[in-house]
Every structure is written in structure tokens, then in C-alpha cells.
Amino acid sequence: MFWTDNNNHNHKCAKRDAWDAMTTDRSYRPALSLEEALKELCKNAGTQFDSKIITHLKHSSFQALTQKEV
């Protein structure tokens, strides 16, 4: 059980680190938009990122991030 929980935590940290790297300006490139970053995460779901975590992000958290104030 510990391995599963720890492994899930590691996958979440990798996703967060990648998200931060993609959505902030770097000296070598400007930040990606939230939509572009999500596309990149989805493109690598199942290989670089846990597909279950990306699916959850895509269907819940991301919607809150991208809602525009009216």
C-alpha cells in the first residue's frame, strides 16, 4: 500500500513540476498558455505522466483554472 501511495504522490509532483515549467516564462522561451500546457500534458499522458491524474486534471481542476471572470 505504501508503494502505491508514494508512487501516486511522485506522479502528482512530476505533473506539478512540469505544469510550472510549462506555464512560467523561462530564459529560453515564453510561458505556454494554460490550454497549450494541458495539450502537452495530455499528449504525454500514459508515458511521461500518469494518465489517471491527467484525466482528473482535464475534467476538474483545469476547468477552474481557465474560467474567465465576467
N, C-alpha and C. Protein backbone atom coordinates (compact mmCIF):
# COMPACT_ATOMS: atom_id res chain seq x y z
N MET A 1 0.83 -1.20 0.00
CA MET A 1 0.00 0.00 0.00
C MET A 1 0.87 1.26 0.00
N PHE A 2 1.95 1.27 0.76
CA PHE A 2 2.82 2.43 0.81
C PHE A 2 3.37 2.74 -0.57
N TRP A 3 3.79 1.71 -1.31
CA TRP A 3 4.37 1.93 -2.63
C TRP A 3 3.36 2.63 -3.55
N THR A 4 2.12 2.18 -3.55
CA THR A 4 1.09 2.78 -4.40
C THR A 4 0.87 4.23 -4.03
N ASP A 5 0.73 4.52 -2.73
CA ASP A 5 0.51 5.89 -2.30
C ASP A 5 1.71 6.77 -2.64
N ASN A 6 2.90 6.26 -2.39
CA ASN A 6 4.11 7.03 -2.66
C ASN A 6 4.28 7.25 -4.17
N ASN A 7 4.01 6.23 -4.95
CA ASN A 7 4.13 6.33 -6.39
C ASN A 7 3.14 7.36 -6.93
N ASN A 8 1.91 7.36 -6.44
CA ASN A 8 0.90 8.33 -6.85
C ASN A 8 1.36 9.74 -6.50
N HIS A 9 1.92 9.91 -5.32
CA HIS A 9 2.43 11.21 -4.89
C HIS A 9 3.54 11.68 -5.83
N ASN A 10 4.43 10.78 -6.20
CA ASN A 10 5.52 11.13 -7.12
C ASN A 10 4.99 11.56 -8.48
N HIS A 11 3.96 10.86 -8.98
CA HIS A 11 3.37 11.22 -10.26
C HIS A 11 2.73 12.61 -10.19
N LYS A 12 2.07 12.90 -9.08
CA LYS A 12 1.44 14.22 -8.92
C LYS A 12 2.51 15.31 -8.87
N CYS A 13 3.61 15.04 -8.18
CA CYS A 13 4.70 16.03 -8.10
C CYS A 13 5.32 16.26 -9.47
N ALA A 14 5.49 15.21 -10.24
CA ALA A 14 6.05 15.35 -11.59
C ALA A 14 5.13 16.19 -12.47
N LYS A 15 3.83 15.96 -12.35
CA LYS A 15 2.87 16.74 -13.12
C LYS A 15 2.91 18.20 -12.71
N ARG A 16 2.96 18.46 -11.40
CA ARG A 16 3.01 19.84 -10.91
C ARG A 16 4.29 20.54 -11.38
N ASP A 17 5.40 19.85 -11.32
CA ASP A 17 6.67 20.42 -11.75
C ASP A 17 6.64 20.73 -13.24
N ALA A 18 6.11 19.82 -14.03
CA ALA A 18 6.02 20.04 -15.47
C ALA A 18 5.07 21.20 -15.77
N TRP A 19 3.94 21.25 -15.06
CA TRP A 19 2.97 22.34 -15.24
C TRP A 19 3.63 23.69 -14.96
N ASP A 20 4.36 23.77 -13.87
CA ASP A 20 5.04 25.01 -13.51
C ASP A 20 6.07 25.38 -14.57
N ALA A 21 6.83 24.40 -15.03
CA ALA A 21 7.85 24.66 -16.04
C ALA A 21 7.23 25.14 -17.35
N MET A 22 6.08 24.60 -17.71
CA MET A 22 5.45 24.98 -18.97
C MET A 22 4.73 26.32 -18.90
N THR A 23 4.20 26.67 -17.73
CA THR A 23 3.33 27.86 -17.64
C THR A 23 4.03 29.09 -17.07
N THR A 24 5.34 29.02 -16.88
CA THR A 24 6.09 30.19 -16.45
C THR A 24 7.16 30.52 -17.50
N ASP A 25 7.46 31.79 -17.60
CA ASP A 25 8.50 32.22 -18.54
C ASP A 25 9.84 31.64 -18.14
N ARG A 26 10.60 31.23 -19.12
CA ARG A 26 11.96 30.73 -18.94
C ARG A 26 12.90 31.62 -19.74
N SER A 27 14.16 31.59 -19.42
CA SER A 27 15.11 32.43 -20.14
C SER A 27 15.19 32.05 -21.62
N TYR A 28 14.84 30.82 -21.95
CA TYR A 28 14.96 30.32 -23.31
C TYR A 28 13.65 30.26 -24.07
N ARG A 29 12.49 30.57 -23.40
CA ARG A 29 11.21 30.58 -24.10
C ARG A 29 10.14 31.20 -23.21
N PRO A 30 9.10 31.78 -23.84
CA PRO A 30 8.00 32.33 -23.04
C PRO A 30 7.11 31.21 -22.51
N ALA A 31 6.31 31.53 -21.52
CA ALA A 31 5.38 30.55 -20.94
C ALA A 31 4.34 30.11 -21.96
N LEU A 32 3.92 28.86 -21.84
CA LEU A 32 2.81 28.37 -22.66
C LEU A 32 1.51 28.86 -22.03
N SER A 33 0.47 28.98 -22.84
CA SER A 33 -0.85 29.28 -22.30
C SER A 33 -1.33 28.06 -21.52
N LEU A 34 -2.34 28.23 -20.70
CA LEU A 34 -2.89 27.10 -19.94
C LEU A 34 -3.40 26.01 -20.88
N GLU A 35 -4.02 26.42 -21.97
CA GLU A 35 -4.54 25.45 -22.94
C GLU A 35 -3.41 24.67 -23.60
N GLU A 36 -2.33 25.36 -23.97
CA GLU A 36 -1.18 24.69 -24.58
C GLU A 36 -0.52 23.72 -23.60
N ALA A 37 -0.42 24.13 -22.34
CA ALA A 37 0.19 23.27 -21.33
C ALA A 37 -0.65 22.01 -21.12
N LEU A 38 -1.97 22.16 -21.08
CA LEU A 38 -2.84 21.00 -20.92
C LEU A 38 -2.69 20.04 -22.11
N LYS A 39 -2.62 20.59 -23.32
CA LYS A 39 -2.42 19.75 -24.51
C LYS A 39 -1.12 18.95 -24.39
N GLU A 40 -0.07 19.60 -23.89
CA GLU A 40 1.22 18.93 -23.73
C GLU A 40 1.13 17.81 -22.69
N LEU A 41 0.43 18.07 -21.58
CA LEU A 41 0.25 17.02 -20.56
C LEU A 41 -0.54 15.85 -21.15
N CYS A 42 -1.61 16.16 -21.89
CA CYS A 42 -2.44 15.11 -22.48
C CYS A 42 -1.66 14.30 -23.51
N LYS A 43 -0.83 14.99 -24.28
CA LYS A 43 -0.01 14.32 -25.30
C LYS A 43 0.91 13.28 -24.67
N ASN A 44 1.38 13.56 -23.45
CA ASN A 44 2.33 12.67 -22.78
C ASN A 44 1.69 11.82 -21.68
N ALA A 45 0.36 11.85 -21.60
CA ALA A 45 -0.34 11.01 -20.61
C ALA A 45 -0.12 9.54 -20.97
N GLY A 46 0.19 8.76 -19.97
CA GLY A 46 0.42 7.34 -20.19
C GLY A 46 1.88 7.01 -20.45
N THR A 47 2.68 8.02 -20.76
CA THR A 47 4.12 7.78 -20.94
C THR A 47 4.88 8.56 -19.88
N GLN A 48 4.93 9.89 -20.02
CA GLN A 48 5.64 10.71 -19.05
C GLN A 48 4.80 10.97 -17.80
N PHE A 49 3.48 11.05 -17.98
CA PHE A 49 2.58 11.37 -16.86
C PHE A 49 1.53 10.28 -16.71
N ASP A 50 1.10 10.07 -15.46
CA ASP A 50 0.06 9.10 -15.17
C ASP A 50 -1.24 9.57 -15.82
N SER A 51 -1.80 8.73 -16.67
CA SER A 51 -2.99 9.11 -17.43
C SER A 51 -4.20 9.37 -16.54
N LYS A 52 -4.31 8.68 -15.41
CA LYS A 52 -5.44 8.91 -14.50
C LYS A 52 -5.37 10.31 -13.90
N ILE A 53 -4.18 10.74 -13.55
CA ILE A 53 -4.01 12.07 -12.96
C ILE A 53 -4.30 13.15 -14.01
N ILE A 54 -3.84 12.95 -15.24
CA ILE A 54 -4.08 13.92 -16.29
C ILE A 54 -5.57 13.97 -16.63
N THR A 55 -6.24 12.84 -16.67
CA THR A 55 -7.69 12.81 -16.91
C THR A 55 -8.43 13.58 -15.84
N HIS A 56 -8.03 13.38 -14.59
CA HIS A 56 -8.67 14.12 -13.48
C HIS A 56 -8.43 15.61 -13.63
N LEU A 57 -7.22 16.00 -13.94
CA LEU A 57 -6.91 17.42 -14.14
C LEU A 57 -7.75 17.99 -15.28
N LYS A 58 -7.81 17.26 -16.35
CA LYS A 58 -8.53 17.72 -17.54
C LYS A 58 -10.02 17.94 -17.26
N HIS A 59 -10.61 17.08 -16.43
CA HIS A 59 -12.05 17.14 -16.22
C HIS A 59 -12.48 17.92 -14.99
N SER A 60 -11.56 18.33 -14.15
CA SER A 60 -12.00 19.07 -12.96
C SER A 60 -11.16 20.31 -12.71
N SER A 61 -9.95 20.14 -12.29
CA SER A 61 -9.12 21.26 -11.88
C SER A 61 -8.87 22.25 -13.00
N PHE A 62 -8.63 21.76 -14.21
CA PHE A 62 -8.30 22.65 -15.30
C PHE A 62 -9.44 23.60 -15.62
N GLN A 63 -10.66 23.13 -15.52
CA GLN A 63 -11.81 23.99 -15.79
C GLN A 63 -11.82 25.19 -14.85
N ALA A 64 -11.49 24.98 -13.60
CA ALA A 64 -11.45 26.08 -12.63
C ALA A 64 -10.32 27.04 -12.96
N LEU A 65 -9.20 26.53 -13.44
CA LEU A 65 -8.05 27.37 -13.78
C LEU A 65 -8.34 28.29 -14.97
N THR A 66 -9.14 27.80 -15.90
CA THR A 66 -9.32 28.53 -17.16
C THR A 66 -10.61 29.35 -17.22
N GLN A 67 -11.44 29.29 -16.20
CA GLN A 67 -12.67 30.08 -16.23
C GLN A 67 -12.33 31.56 -16.20
N LYS A 68 -12.94 32.28 -17.08
CA LYS A 68 -12.68 33.71 -17.19
C LYS A 68 -13.70 34.48 -16.35
N GLU A 69 -13.22 35.52 -15.70
CA GLU A 69 -14.10 36.42 -14.94
C GLU A 69 -14.96 37.20 -15.94
N VAL A 70 -16.23 37.35 -15.62
CA VAL A 70 -17.12 38.11 -16.50
C VAL A 70 -17.36 39.48 -15.92
